[in-house]
Amino acid sequence: GGDYLCSVAYAVDSDGVIYVTDVTYTQEAMEVSERMVATMLERNDIR
């Protein structure tokens, strides 16, 4: 109950450097955080 759901969207370049592009970091209930992460994936064109 006191922990965070953490979801990080990122991009990787040809040298292997990792660029964080978006973060969902929340203590909301699962039914809320599911939609938050889904929206983040769509926003960042994650496949």
PDB file of all heavy atoms in Angstrom:
ATOM      1  N   GLY A   1       0.791  -1.224   0.000  1.00  0.00           N
ATOM      2  CA  GLY A   1       0.000   0.000   0.000  1.00  0.00           C
ATOM      3  C   GLY A   1       0.817   1.265   0.000  1.00  0.00           C
ATOM      4  O   GLY A   1       0.391   2.289  -0.513  1.00  0.00           O
ATOM      5  N   GLY A   2       2.038   1.249   0.585  1.00  0.00           N
ATOM      6  CA  GLY A   2       2.846   2.456   0.656  1.00  0.00           C
ATOM      7  C   GLY A   2       3.828   2.595  -0.469  1.00  0.00           C
ATOM      8  O   GLY A   2       4.586   3.575  -0.524  1.00  0.00           O
ATOM      9  N   ASP A   3       3.852   1.619  -1.397  1.00  0.00           N
ATOM     10  CA  ASP A   3       4.820   1.652  -2.493  1.00  0.00           C
ATOM     11  C   ASP A   3       4.233   2.324  -3.723  1.00  0.00           C
ATOM     12  O   ASP A   3       3.033   2.577  -3.812  1.00  0.00           O
ATOM     13  CB  ASP A   3       5.261   0.228  -2.841  1.00  0.00           C
ATOM     14  CG  ASP A   3       6.068  -0.413  -1.735  1.00  0.00           C
ATOM     15  OD1 ASP A   3       6.936   0.280  -1.178  1.00  0.00           O
ATOM     16  OD2 ASP A   3       5.828  -1.586  -1.411  1.00  0.00           O
ATOM     17  N   TYR A   4       5.111   2.594  -4.671  1.00  0.00           N
ATOM     18  CA  TYR A   4       4.712   3.219  -5.926  1.00  0.00           C
ATOM     19  C   TYR A   4       4.684   2.189  -7.049  1.00  0.00           C
ATOM     20  O   TYR A   4       5.550   1.302  -7.109  1.00  0.00           O
ATOM     21  CB  TYR A   4       5.707   4.315  -6.314  1.00  0.00           C
ATOM     22  CG  TYR A   4       5.594   5.586  -5.520  1.00  0.00           C
ATOM     23  CD1 TYR A   4       6.243   5.728  -4.303  1.00  0.00           C
ATOM     24  CD2 TYR A   4       4.846   6.666  -5.999  1.00  0.00           C
ATOM     25  CE1 TYR A   4       6.158   6.910  -3.574  1.00  0.00           C
ATOM     26  CE2 TYR A   4       4.756   7.842  -5.280  1.00  0.00           C
ATOM     27  CZ  TYR A   4       5.417   7.954  -4.067  1.00  0.00           C
ATOM     28  OH  TYR A   4       5.322   9.122  -3.354  1.00  0.00           O
ATOM     29  N   LEU A   5       3.712   2.315  -7.931  1.00  0.00           N
ATOM     30  CA  LEU A   5       3.841   1.677  -9.230  1.00  0.00           C
ATOM     31  C   LEU A   5       4.764   2.559 -10.049  1.00  0.00           C
ATOM     32  O   LEU A   5       4.578   3.769 -10.113  1.00  0.00           O
ATOM     33  CB  LEU A   5       2.494   1.548  -9.928  1.00  0.00           C
ATOM     34  CG  LEU A   5       2.565   0.998 -11.358  1.00  0.00           C
ATOM     35  CD1 LEU A   5       1.427   0.030 -11.621  1.00  0.00           C
ATOM     36  CD2 LEU A   5       2.551   2.119 -12.412  1.00  0.00           C
ATOM     37  N   CYS A   6       5.764   1.944 -10.650  1.00  0.00           N
ATOM     38  CA  CYS A   6       6.727   2.706 -11.452  1.00  0.00           C
ATOM     39  C   CYS A   6       6.776   2.122 -12.848  1.00  0.00           C
ATOM     40  O   CYS A   6       7.062   0.928 -13.030  1.00  0.00           O
ATOM     41  CB  CYS A   6       8.115   2.652 -10.808  1.00  0.00           C
ATOM     42  SG  CYS A   6       9.355   3.620 -11.702  1.00  0.00           S
ATOM     43  N   SER A   7       6.487   2.950 -13.836  1.00  0.00           N
ATOM     44  CA  SER A   7       6.558   2.543 -15.241  1.00  0.00           C
ATOM     45  C   SER A   7       7.341   3.603 -16.004  1.00  0.00           C
ATOM     46  O   SER A   7       7.012   4.791 -15.928  1.00  0.00           O
ATOM     47  CB  SER A   7       5.153   2.393 -15.828  1.00  0.00           C
ATOM     48  OG  SER A   7       5.222   1.901 -17.159  1.00  0.00           O
ATOM     49  N   VAL A   8       8.376   3.189 -16.707  1.00  0.00           N
ATOM     50  CA  VAL A   8       9.266   4.115 -17.404  1.00  0.00           C
ATOM     51  C   VAL A   8       9.287   3.793 -18.897  1.00  0.00           C
ATOM     52  O   VAL A   8       9.568   2.651 -19.290  1.00  0.00           O
ATOM     53  CB  VAL A   8      10.695   4.050 -16.835  1.00  0.00           C
ATOM     54  CG1 VAL A   8      11.647   4.910 -17.653  1.00  0.00           C
ATOM     55  CG2 VAL A   8      10.703   4.496 -15.372  1.00  0.00           C
ATOM     56  N   ALA A   9       8.964   4.795 -19.703  1.00  0.00           N
ATOM     57  CA  ALA A   9       9.107   4.676 -21.161  1.00  0.00           C
ATOM     58  C   ALA A   9      10.468   5.242 -21.555  1.00  0.00           C
ATOM     59  O   ALA A   9      10.919   6.239 -20.985  1.00  0.00           O
ATOM     60  CB  ALA A   9       7.992   5.440 -21.865  1.00  0.00           C
ATOM     61  N   TYR A  10      11.116   4.605 -22.526  1.00  0.00           N
ATOM     62  CA  TYR A  10      12.475   5.027 -22.878  1.00  0.00           C
ATOM     63  C   TYR A  10      12.770   4.753 -24.352  1.00  0.00           C
ATOM     64  O   TYR A  10      12.042   4.000 -25.028  1.00  0.00           O
ATOM     65  CB  TYR A  10      13.499   4.312 -21.989  1.00  0.00           C
ATOM     66  CG  TYR A  10      13.487   2.800 -22.119  1.00  0.00           C
ATOM     67  CD1 TYR A  10      14.286   2.144 -23.068  1.00  0.00           C
ATOM     68  CD2 TYR A  10      12.681   2.021 -21.295  1.00  0.00           C
ATOM     69  CE1 TYR A  10      14.266   0.772 -23.191  1.00  0.00           C
ATOM     70  CE2 TYR A  10      12.661   0.645 -21.405  1.00  0.00           C
ATOM     71  CZ  TYR A  10      13.456   0.019 -22.359  1.00  0.00           C
ATOM     72  OH  TYR A  10      13.446  -1.350 -22.483  1.00  0.00           O
ATOM     73  N   ALA A  11      13.835   5.386 -24.816  1.00  0.00           N
ATOM     74  CA  ALA A  11      14.327   5.167 -26.181  1.00  0.00           C
ATOM     75  C   ALA A  11      15.816   4.853 -26.108  1.00  0.00           C
ATOM     76  O   ALA A  11      16.519   5.352 -25.217  1.00  0.00           O
ATOM     77  CB  ALA A  11      14.089   6.411 -27.034  1.00  0.00           C
ATOM     78  N   VAL A  12      16.300   4.013 -27.042  1.00  0.00           N
ATOM     79  CA  VAL A  12      17.704   3.587 -27.045  1.00  0.00           C
ATOM     80  C   VAL A  12      18.337   3.987 -28.371  1.00  0.00           C
ATOM     81  O   VAL A  12      17.755   3.750 -29.443  1.00  0.00           O
ATOM     82  CB  VAL A  12      17.820   2.059 -26.858  1.00  0.00           C
ATOM     83  CG1 VAL A  12      19.283   1.652 -26.708  1.00  0.00           C
ATOM     84  CG2 VAL A  12      17.010   1.601 -25.649  1.00  0.00           C
ATOM     85  N   ASP A  13      19.513   4.632 -28.321  1.00  0.00           N
ATOM     86  CA  ASP A  13      20.184   5.012 -29.563  1.00  0.00           C
ATOM     87  C   ASP A  13      21.135   3.912 -30.025  1.00  0.00           C
ATOM     88  O   ASP A  13      21.276   2.863 -29.381  1.00  0.00           O
ATOM     89  CB  ASP A  13      20.890   6.361 -29.415  1.00  0.00           C
ATOM     90  CG  ASP A  13      22.102   6.310 -28.491  1.00  0.00           C
ATOM     91  OD1 ASP A  13      22.574   5.214 -28.148  1.00  0.00           O
ATOM     92  OD2 ASP A  13      22.602   7.405 -28.122  1.00  0.00           O
ATOM     93  N   SER A  14      21.799   4.158 -31.138  1.00  0.00           N
ATOM     94  CA  SER A  14      22.659   3.133 -31.731  1.00  0.00           C
ATOM     95  C   SER A  14      23.877   2.809 -30.885  1.00  0.00           C
ATOM     96  O   SER A  14      24.508   1.765 -31.082  1.00  0.00           O
ATOM     97  CB  SER A  14      23.102   3.592 -33.130  1.00  0.00           C
ATOM     98  OG  SER A  14      23.775   4.850 -33.047  1.00  0.00           O
ATOM     99  N   ASP A  15      24.228   3.681 -29.943  1.00  0.00           N
ATOM    100  CA  ASP A  15      25.350   3.416 -29.038  1.00  0.00           C
ATOM    101  C   ASP A  15      24.917   2.749 -27.739  1.00  0.00           C
ATOM    102  O   ASP A  15      25.754   2.497 -26.854  1.00  0.00           O
ATOM    103  CB  ASP A  15      26.077   4.730 -28.695  1.00  0.00           C
ATOM    104  CG  ASP A  15      26.771   5.331 -29.903  1.00  0.00           C
ATOM    105  OD1 ASP A  15      27.296   4.546 -30.728  1.00  0.00           O
ATOM    106  OD2 ASP A  15      26.782   6.563 -30.030  1.00  0.00           O
ATOM    107  N   GLY A  16      23.634   2.489 -27.612  1.00  0.00           N
ATOM    108  CA  GLY A  16      23.145   1.828 -26.414  1.00  0.00           C
ATOM    109  C   GLY A  16      22.811   2.769 -25.269  1.00  0.00           C
ATOM    110  O   GLY A  16      22.524   2.319 -24.160  1.00  0.00           O
ATOM    111  N   VAL A  17      22.855   4.085 -25.512  1.00  0.00           N
ATOM    112  CA  VAL A  17      22.472   5.048 -24.480  1.00  0.00           C
ATOM    113  C   VAL A  17      20.948   5.040 -24.349  1.00  0.00           C
ATOM    114  O   VAL A  17      20.221   5.034 -25.344  1.00  0.00           O
ATOM    115  CB  VAL A  17      22.983   6.460 -24.825  1.00  0.00           C
ATOM    116  CG1 VAL A  17      22.509   7.462 -23.778  1.00  0.00           C
ATOM    117  CG2 VAL A  17      24.493   6.456 -24.919  1.00  0.00           C
ATOM    118  N   ILE A  18      20.467   5.054 -23.118  1.00  0.00           N
ATOM    119  CA  ILE A  18      19.035   4.942 -22.837  1.00  0.00           C
ATOM    120  C   ILE A  18      18.498   6.314 -22.413  1.00  0.00           C
ATOM    121  O   ILE A  18      19.001   6.924 -21.467  1.00  0.00           O
ATOM    122  CB  ILE A  18      18.776   3.915 -21.717  1.00  0.00           C
ATOM    123  CG1 ILE A  18      19.319   2.542 -22.131  1.00  0.00           C
ATOM    124  CG2 ILE A  18      17.295   3.829 -21.382  1.00  0.00           C
ATOM    125  CD1 ILE A  18      19.404   1.545 -20.990  1.00  0.00           C
ATOM    126  N   TYR A  19      17.467   6.778 -23.119  1.00  0.00           N
ATOM    127  CA  TYR A  19      16.867   8.080 -22.841  1.00  0.00           C
ATOM    128  C   TYR A  19      15.470   7.883 -22.261  1.00  0.00           C
ATOM    129  O   TYR A  19      14.583   7.350 -22.937  1.00  0.00           O
ATOM    130  CB  TYR A  19      16.775   8.915 -24.121  1.00  0.00           C
ATOM    131  CG  TYR A  19      18.116   9.181 -24.769  1.00  0.00           C
ATOM    132  CD1 TYR A  19      18.698   8.240 -25.619  1.00  0.00           C
ATOM    133  CD2 TYR A  19      18.796  10.365 -24.518  1.00  0.00           C
ATOM    134  CE1 TYR A  19      19.935   8.474 -26.206  1.00  0.00           C
ATOM    135  CE2 TYR A  19      20.033  10.610 -25.099  1.00  0.00           C
ATOM    136  CZ  TYR A  19      20.597   9.658 -25.938  1.00  0.00           C
ATOM    137  OH  TYR A  19      21.821   9.894 -26.511  1.00  0.00           O
ATOM    138  N   VAL A  20      15.285   8.272 -21.012  1.00  0.00           N
ATOM    139  CA  VAL A  20      13.953   8.212 -20.403  1.00  0.00           C
ATOM    140  C   VAL A  20      13.076   9.275 -21.054  1.00  0.00           C
ATOM    141  O   VAL A  20      13.453  10.450 -21.111  1.00  0.00           O
ATOM    142  CB  VAL A  20      14.043   8.441 -18.875  1.00  0.00           C
ATOM    143  CG1 VAL A  20      12.646   8.597 -18.278  1.00  0.00           C
ATOM    144  CG2 VAL A  20      14.786   7.295 -18.203  1.00  0.00           C
ATOM    145  N   THR A  21      11.916   8.861 -21.554  1.00  0.00           N
ATOM    146  CA  THR A  21      11.032   9.806 -22.233  1.00  0.00           C
ATOM    147  C   THR A  21       9.755  10.108 -21.450  1.00  0.00           C
ATOM    148  O   THR A  21       9.146  11.159 -21.634  1.00  0.00           O
ATOM    149  CB  THR A  21      10.628   9.273 -23.621  1.00  0.00           C
ATOM    150  OG1 THR A  21       9.970   7.996 -23.468  1.00  0.00           O
ATOM    151  CG2 THR A  21      11.865   9.103 -24.513  1.00  0.00           C
ATOM    152  N   ASP A  22       9.363   9.185 -20.570  1.00  0.00           N
ATOM    153  CA  ASP A  22       8.137   9.411 -19.805  1.00  0.00           C
ATOM    154  C   ASP A  22       8.135   8.495 -18.584  1.00  0.00           C
ATOM    155  O   ASP A  22       8.781   7.445 -18.591  1.00  0.00           O
ATOM    156  CB  ASP A  22       6.897   9.145 -20.653  1.00  0.00           C
ATOM    157  CG  ASP A  22       5.724  10.046 -20.289  1.00  0.00           C
ATOM    158  OD1 ASP A  22       5.740  10.600 -19.173  1.00  0.00           O
ATOM    159  OD2 ASP A  22       4.799  10.182 -21.115  1.00  0.00           O
ATOM    160  N   VAL A  23       7.396   8.907 -17.558  1.00  0.00           N
ATOM    161  CA  VAL A  23       7.338   8.142 -16.314  1.00  0.00           C
ATOM    162  C   VAL A  23       5.928   8.195 -15.740  1.00  0.00           C
ATOM    163  O   VAL A  23       5.288   9.253 -15.734  1.00  0.00           O
ATOM    164  CB  VAL A  23       8.333   8.714 -15.264  1.00  0.00           C
ATOM    165  CG1 VAL A  23       8.110   8.065 -13.894  1.00  0.00           C
ATOM    166  CG2 VAL A  23       9.770   8.530 -15.713  1.00  0.00           C
ATOM    167  N   THR A  24       5.446   7.060 -15.311  1.00  0.00           N
ATOM    168  CA  THR A  24       4.251   6.990 -14.471  1.00  0.00           C
ATOM    169  C   THR A  24       4.697   6.476 -13.115  1.00  0.00           C
ATOM    170  O   THR A  24       5.210   5.361 -13.000  1.00  0.00           O
ATOM    171  CB  THR A  24       3.193   6.046 -15.071  1.00  0.00           C
ATOM    172  OG1 THR A  24       2.772   6.548 -16.335  1.00  0.00           O
ATOM    173  CG2 THR A  24       1.979   5.948 -14.149  1.00  0.00           C
ATOM    174  N   TYR A  25       4.516   7.310 -12.113  1.00  0.00           N
ATOM    175  CA  TYR A  25       4.997   6.980 -10.765  1.00  0.00           C
ATOM    176  C   TYR A  25       3.896   7.359  -9.805  1.00  0.00           C
ATOM    177  O   TYR A  25       3.679   8.544  -9.512  1.00  0.00           O
ATOM    178  CB  TYR A  25       6.271   7.775 -10.478  1.00  0.00           C
ATOM    179  CG  TYR A  25       7.097   7.284  -9.315  1.00  0.00           C
ATOM    180  CD1 TYR A  25       7.723   6.043  -9.361  1.00  0.00           C
ATOM    181  CD2 TYR A  25       7.284   8.064  -8.180  1.00  0.00           C
ATOM    182  CE1 TYR A  25       8.508   5.595  -8.315  1.00  0.00           C
ATOM    183  CE2 TYR A  25       8.061   7.627  -7.121  1.00  0.00           C
ATOM    184  CZ  TYR A  25       8.675   6.383  -7.201  1.00  0.00           C
ATOM    185  OH  TYR A  25       9.454   5.937  -6.148  1.00  0.00           O
ATOM    186  N   THR A  26       3.144   6.367  -9.337  1.00  0.00           N
ATOM    187  CA  THR A  26       1.902   6.682  -8.639  1.00  0.00           C
ATOM    188  C   THR A  26       1.592   5.660  -7.558  1.00  0.00           C
ATOM    189  O   THR A  26       2.028   4.504  -7.628  1.00  0.00           O
ATOM    190  CB  THR A  26       0.730   6.744  -9.636  1.00  0.00           C
ATOM    191  OG1 THR A  26      -0.471   7.059  -8.941  1.00  0.00           O
ATOM    192  CG2 THR A  26       0.558   5.416 -10.356  1.00  0.00           C
ATOM    193  N   GLN A  27       0.825   6.109  -6.582  1.00  0.00           N
ATOM    194  CA  GLN A  27       0.312   5.228  -5.536  1.00  0.00           C
ATOM    195  C   GLN A  27      -1.189   4.998  -5.707  1.00  0.00           C
ATOM    196  O   GLN A  27      -1.841   4.496  -4.793  1.00  0.00           O
ATOM    197  CB  GLN A  27       0.597   5.839  -4.161  1.00  0.00           C
ATOM    198  CG  GLN A  27       2.080   5.899  -3.813  1.00  0.00           C
ATOM    199  CD  GLN A  27       2.358   6.605  -2.489  1.00  0.00           C
ATOM    200  OE1 GLN A  27       1.832   7.686  -2.250  1.00  0.00           O
ATOM    201  NE2 GLN A  27       3.168   6.002  -1.645  1.00  0.00           N
ATOM    202  N   GLU A  28      -1.706   5.343  -6.881  1.00  0.00           N
ATOM    203  CA  GLU A  28      -3.124   5.124  -7.159  1.00  0.00           C
ATOM    204  C   GLU A  28      -3.431   3.631  -7.228  1.00  0.00           C
ATOM    205  O   GLU A  28      -2.550   2.796  -7.415  1.00  0.00           O
ATOM    206  CB  GLU A  28      -3.515   5.790  -8.481  1.00  0.00           C
ATOM    207  CG  GLU A  28      -3.465   7.309  -8.467  1.00  0.00           C
ATOM    208  CD  GLU A  28      -4.655   7.917  -7.744  1.00  0.00           C
ATOM    209  OE1 GLU A  28      -5.529   7.153  -7.265  1.00  0.00           O
ATOM    210  OE2 GLU A  28      -4.729   9.158  -7.657  1.00  0.00           O
ATOM    211  N   ALA A  29      -4.715   3.287  -7.095  1.00  0.00           N
ATOM    212  CA  ALA A  29      -5.145   1.897  -7.172  1.00  0.00           C
ATOM    213  C   ALA A  29      -4.864   1.330  -8.560  1.00  0.00           C
ATOM    214  O   ALA A  29      -4.715   2.068  -9.538  1.00  0.00           O
ATOM    215  CB  ALA A  29      -6.635   1.801  -6.851  1.00  0.00           C
ATOM    216  N   MET A  30      -4.819  -0.012  -8.639  1.00  0.00           N
ATOM    217  CA  MET A  30      -4.439  -0.688  -9.880  1.00  0.00           C
ATOM    218  C   MET A  30      -5.336  -0.307 -11.059  1.00  0.00           C
ATOM    219  O   MET A  30      -4.853  -0.100 -12.171  1.00  0.00           O
ATOM    220  CB  MET A  30      -4.481  -2.202  -9.655  1.00  0.00           C
ATOM    221  CG  MET A  30      -3.731  -3.001 -10.697  1.00  0.00           C
ATOM    222  SD  MET A  30      -1.949  -2.944 -10.456  1.00  0.00           S
ATOM    223  CE  MET A  30      -1.740  -4.146  -9.147  1.00  0.00           C
ATOM    224  N   GLU A  31      -6.634  -0.192 -10.814  1.00  0.00           N
ATOM    225  CA  GLU A  31      -7.535   0.110 -11.925  1.00  0.00           C
ATOM    226  C   GLU A  31      -7.285   1.507 -12.500  1.00  0.00           C
ATOM    227  O   GLU A  31      -7.581   1.767 -13.663  1.00  0.00           O
ATOM    228  CB  GLU A  31      -8.993  -0.020 -11.489  1.00  0.00           C
ATOM    229  CG  GLU A  31      -9.397   0.848 -10.311  1.00  0.00           C
ATOM    230  CD  GLU A  31      -9.211   0.151  -8.972  1.00  0.00           C
ATOM    231  OE1 GLU A  31      -8.457  -0.847  -8.926  1.00  0.00           O
ATOM    232  OE2 GLU A  31      -9.810   0.607  -7.982  1.00  0.00           O
ATOM    233  N   VAL A  32      -6.722   2.410 -11.685  1.00  0.00           N
ATOM    234  CA  VAL A  32      -6.374   3.747 -12.162  1.00  0.00           C
ATOM    235  C   VAL A  32      -5.016   3.735 -12.831  1.00  0.00           C
ATOM    236  O   VAL A  32      -4.821   4.292 -13.922  1.00  0.00           O
ATOM    237  CB  VAL A  32      -6.381   4.764 -10.998  1.00  0.00           C
ATOM    238  CG1 VAL A  32      -5.933   6.138 -11.480  1.00  0.00           C
ATOM    239  CG2 VAL A  32      -7.755   4.843 -10.362  1.00  0.00           C
ATOM    240  N   SER A  33      -4.037   3.085 -12.196  1.00  0.00           N
ATOM    241  CA  SER A  33      -2.676   3.080 -12.745  1.00  0.00           C
ATOM    242  C   SER A  33      -2.591   2.325 -14.065  1.00  0.00           C
ATOM    243  O   SER A  33      -1.760   2.652 -14.915  1.00  0.00           O
ATOM    244  CB  SER A  33      -1.699   2.475 -11.730  1.00  0.00           C
ATOM    245  OG  SER A  33      -2.057   1.158 -11.389  1.00  0.00           O
ATOM    246  N   GLU A  34      -3.456   1.327 -14.269  1.00  0.00           N
ATOM    247  CA  GLU A  34      -3.468   0.607 -15.552  1.00  0.00           C
ATOM    248  C   GLU A  34      -3.740   1.566 -16.704  1.00  0.00           C
ATOM    249  O   GLU A  34      -3.046   1.546 -17.734  1.00  0.00           O
ATOM    250  CB  GLU A  34      -4.549  -0.487 -15.529  1.00  0.00           C
ATOM    251  CG  GLU A  34      -4.227  -1.668 -14.634  1.00  0.00           C
ATOM    252  CD  GLU A  34      -5.437  -2.557 -14.412  1.00  0.00           C
ATOM    253  OE1 GLU A  34      -6.551  -2.161 -14.849  1.00  0.00           O
ATOM    254  OE2 GLU A  34      -5.282  -3.639 -13.817  1.00  0.00           O
ATOM    255  N   ARG A  35      -4.722   2.435 -16.536  1.00  0.00           N
ATOM    256  CA  ARG A  35      -5.074   3.393 -17.587  1.00  0.00           C
ATOM    257  C   ARG A  35      -3.968   4.444 -17.758  1.00  0.00           C
ATOM    258  O   ARG A  35      -3.701   4.876 -18.882  1.00  0.00           O
ATOM    259  CB  ARG A  35      -6.406   4.074 -17.254  1.00  0.00           C
ATOM    260  CG  ARG A  35      -7.586   3.117 -17.240  1.00  0.00           C
ATOM    261  CD  ARG A  35      -8.906   3.869 -17.050  1.00  0.00           C
ATOM    262  NE  ARG A  35     -10.036   2.955 -17.029  1.00  0.00           N
ATOM    263  CZ  ARG A  35     -10.514   2.385 -15.934  1.00  0.00           C
ATOM    264  NH1 ARG A  35      -9.948   2.649 -14.771  1.00  0.00           N
ATOM    265  NH2 ARG A  35     -11.538   1.571 -16.002  1.00  0.00           N
ATOM    266  N   MET A  36      -3.355   4.832 -16.644  1.00  0.00           N
ATOM    267  CA  MET A  36      -2.273   5.813 -16.727  1.00  0.00           C
ATOM    268  C   MET A  36      -1.109   5.271 -17.545  1.00  0.00           C
ATOM    269  O   MET A  36      -0.545   5.977 -18.391  1.00  0.00           O
ATOM    270  CB  MET A  36      -1.807   6.185 -15.312  1.00  0.00           C
ATOM    271  CG  MET A  36      -2.837   6.923 -14.488  1.00  0.00           C
ATOM    272  SD  MET A  36      -2.331   7.152 -12.759  1.00  0.00           S
ATOM    273  CE  MET A  36      -0.968   8.290 -12.967  1.00  0.00           C
ATOM    274  N   VAL A  37      -0.729   4.018 -17.299  1.00  0.00           N
ATOM    275  CA  VAL A  37       0.389   3.422 -18.031  1.00  0.00           C
ATOM    276  C   VAL A  37       0.016   3.213 -19.497  1.00  0.00           C
ATOM    277  O   VAL A  37       0.822   3.478 -20.400  1.00  0.00           O
ATOM    278  CB  VAL A  37       0.812   2.097 -17.379  1.00  0.00           C
ATOM    279  CG1 VAL A  37       1.869   1.393 -18.237  1.00  0.00           C
ATOM    280  CG2 VAL A  37       1.368   2.343 -15.976  1.00  0.00           C
ATOM    281  N   ALA A  38      -1.209   2.751 -19.765  1.00  0.00           N
ATOM    282  CA  ALA A  38      -1.646   2.549 -21.152  1.00  0.00           C
ATOM    283  C   ALA A  38      -1.591   3.853 -21.932  1.00  0.00           C
ATOM    284  O   ALA A  38      -1.139   3.890 -23.092  1.00  0.00           O
ATOM    285  CB  ALA A  38      -3.060   1.969 -21.167  1.00  0.00           C
ATOM    286  N   THR A  39      -2.039   4.924 -21.319  1.00  0.00           N
ATOM    287  CA  THR A  39      -1.985   6.246 -21.965  1.00  0.00           C
ATOM    288  C   THR A  39      -0.539   6.658 -22.224  1.00  0.00           C
ATOM    289  O   THR A  39      -0.221   7.218 -23.285  1.00  0.00           O
ATOM    290  CB  THR A  39      -2.685   7.292 -21.080  1.00  0.00           C
ATOM    291  OG1 THR A  39      -4.043   6.905 -20.875  1.00  0.00           O
ATOM    292  CG2 THR A  39      -2.638   8.664 -21.727  1.00  0.00           C
ATOM    293  N   MET A  40       0.342   6.397 -21.277  1.00  0.00           N
ATOM    294  CA  MET A  40       1.758   6.744 -21.451  1.00  0.00           C
ATOM    295  C   MET A  40       2.377   5.963 -22.616  1.00  0.00           C
ATOM    296  O   MET A  40       3.138   6.533 -23.420  1.00  0.00           O
ATOM    297  CB  MET A  40       2.530   6.449 -20.162  1.00  0.00           C
ATOM    298  CG  MET A  40       4.013   6.825 -20.232  1.00  0.00           C
ATOM    299  SD  MET A  40       4.970   6.237 -18.815  1.00  0.00           S
ATOM    300  CE  MET A  40       5.092   4.481 -19.211  1.00  0.00           C
ATOM    301  N   LEU A  41       2.043   4.685 -22.729  1.00  0.00           N
ATOM    302  CA  LEU A  41       2.596   3.878 -23.829  1.00  0.00           C
ATOM    303  C   LEU A  41       2.153   4.422 -25.178  1.00  0.00           C
ATOM    304  O   LEU A  41       2.952   4.515 -26.118  1.00  0.00           O
ATOM    305  CB  LEU A  41       2.159   2.420 -23.670  1.00  0.00           C
ATOM    306  CG  LEU A  41       2.623   1.685 -22.407  1.00  0.00           C
ATOM    307  CD1 LEU A  41       2.109   0.255 -22.404  1.00  0.00           C
ATOM    308  CD2 LEU A  41       4.135   1.710 -22.288  1.00  0.00           C
ATOM    309  N   GLU A  42       0.886   4.784 -25.272  1.00  0.00           N
ATOM    310  CA  GLU A  42       0.365   5.343 -26.529  1.00  0.00           C
ATOM    311  C   GLU A  42       1.017   6.690 -26.829  1.00  0.00           C
ATOM    312  O   GLU A  42       1.399   6.967 -27.972  1.00  0.00           O
ATOM    313  CB  GLU A  42      -1.146   5.492 -26.428  1.00  0.00           C
ATOM    314  CG  GLU A  42      -1.788   6.060 -27.694  1.00  0.00           C
ATOM    315  CD  GLU A  42      -3.294   6.191 -27.562  1.00  0.00           C
ATOM    316  OE1 GLU A  42      -3.838   5.802 -26.515  1.00  0.00           O
ATOM    317  OE2 GLU A  42      -3.922   6.707 -28.509  1.00  0.00           O
ATOM    318  N   ARG A  43       1.180   7.515 -25.818  1.00  0.00           N
ATOM    319  CA  ARG A  43       1.751   8.852 -25.985  1.00  0.00           C
ATOM    320  C   ARG A  43       3.194   8.793 -26.480  1.00  0.00           C
ATOM    321  O   ARG A  43       3.658   9.684 -27.194  1.00  0.00           O
ATOM    322  CB  ARG A  43       1.666   9.588 -24.652  1.00  0.00           C
ATOM    323  CG  ARG A  43       2.140  11.024 -24.687  1.00  0.00           C
ATOM    324  CD  ARG A  43       1.765  11.745 -23.405  1.00  0.00           C
ATOM    325  NE  ARG A  43       2.358  11.154 -22.226  1.00  0.00           N
ATOM    326  CZ  ARG A  43       1.675  10.674 -21.182  1.00  0.00           C
ATOM    327  NH1 ARG A  43       0.341  10.712 -21.183  1.00  0.00           N
ATOM    328  NH2 ARG A  43       2.293  10.156 -20.135  1.00  0.00           N
ATOM    329  N   ASN A  44       3.917   7.755 -26.082  1.00  0.00           N
ATOM    330  CA  ASN A  44       5.333   7.636 -26.424  1.00  0.00           C
ATOM    331  C   ASN A  44       5.607   6.655 -27.565  1.00  0.00           C
ATOM    332  O   ASN A  44       6.754   6.301 -27.801  1.00  0.00           O
ATOM    333  CB  ASN A  44       6.119   7.219 -25.184  1.00  0.00           C
ATOM    334  CG  ASN A  44       6.203   8.314 -24.142  1.00  0.00           C
ATOM    335  OD1 ASN A  44       7.124   9.117 -24.150  1.00  0.00           O
ATOM    336  ND2 ASN A  44       5.232   8.358 -23.234  1.00  0.00           N
ATOM    337  N   ASP A  45       4.520   6.221 -28.230  1.00  0.00           N
ATOM    338  CA  ASP A  45       4.642   5.330 -29.394  1.00  0.00           C
ATOM    339  C   ASP A  45       5.439   4.063 -29.042  1.00  0.00           C
ATOM    340  O   ASP A  45       6.327   3.643 -29.783  1.00  0.00           O
ATOM    341  CB  ASP A  45       5.313   6.073 -30.552  1.00  0.00           C
ATOM    342  CG  ASP A  45       5.157   5.332 -31.882  1.00  0.00           C
ATOM    343  OD1 ASP A  45       4.183   4.581 -32.012  1.00  0.00           O
ATOM    344  OD2 ASP A  45       6.031   5.504 -32.752  1.00  0.00           O
ATOM    345  N   ILE A  46       5.111   3.472 -27.904  1.00  0.00           N
ATOM    346  CA  ILE A  46       5.779   2.255 -27.449  1.00  0.00           C
ATOM    347  C   ILE A  46       5.098   1.048 -28.079  1.00  0.00           C
ATOM    348  O   ILE A  46       3.868   0.937 -28.079  1.00  0.00           O
ATOM    349  CB  ILE A  46       5.738   2.137 -25.906  1.00  0.00           C
ATOM    350  CG1 ILE A  46       6.369   3.377 -25.261  1.00  0.00           C
ATOM    351  CG2 ILE A  46       6.428   0.865 -25.443  1.00  0.00           C
ATOM    352  CD1 ILE A  46       7.817   3.587 -25.587  1.00  0.00           C
ATOM    353  N   ARG A  47       5.893   0.131 -28.589  1.00  0.00           N
ATOM    354  CA  ARG A  47       5.352  -1.083 -29.206  1.00  0.00           C
ATOM    355  C   ARG A  47       5.678  -2.341 -28.400  1.00  0.00           C
ATOM    356  O   ARG A  47       5.043  -3.372 -28.574  1.00  0.00           O
ATOM    357  CB  ARG A  47       5.899  -1.233 -30.636  1.00  0.00           C
ATOM    358  CG  ARG A  47       5.372  -0.176 -31.600  1.00  0.00           C
ATOM    359  CD  ARG A  47       3.892  -0.362 -31.845  1.00  0.00           C
ATOM    360  NE  ARG A  47       3.315   0.688 -32.713  1.00  0.00           N
ATOM    361  CZ  ARG A  47       2.671   1.727 -32.260  1.00  0.00           C
ATOM    362  NH1 ARG A  47       2.519   1.878 -30.963  1.00  0.00           N
ATOM    363  NH2 ARG A  47       2.150   2.620 -33.086  1.00  0.00           N
TER     364      ARG A  47
END
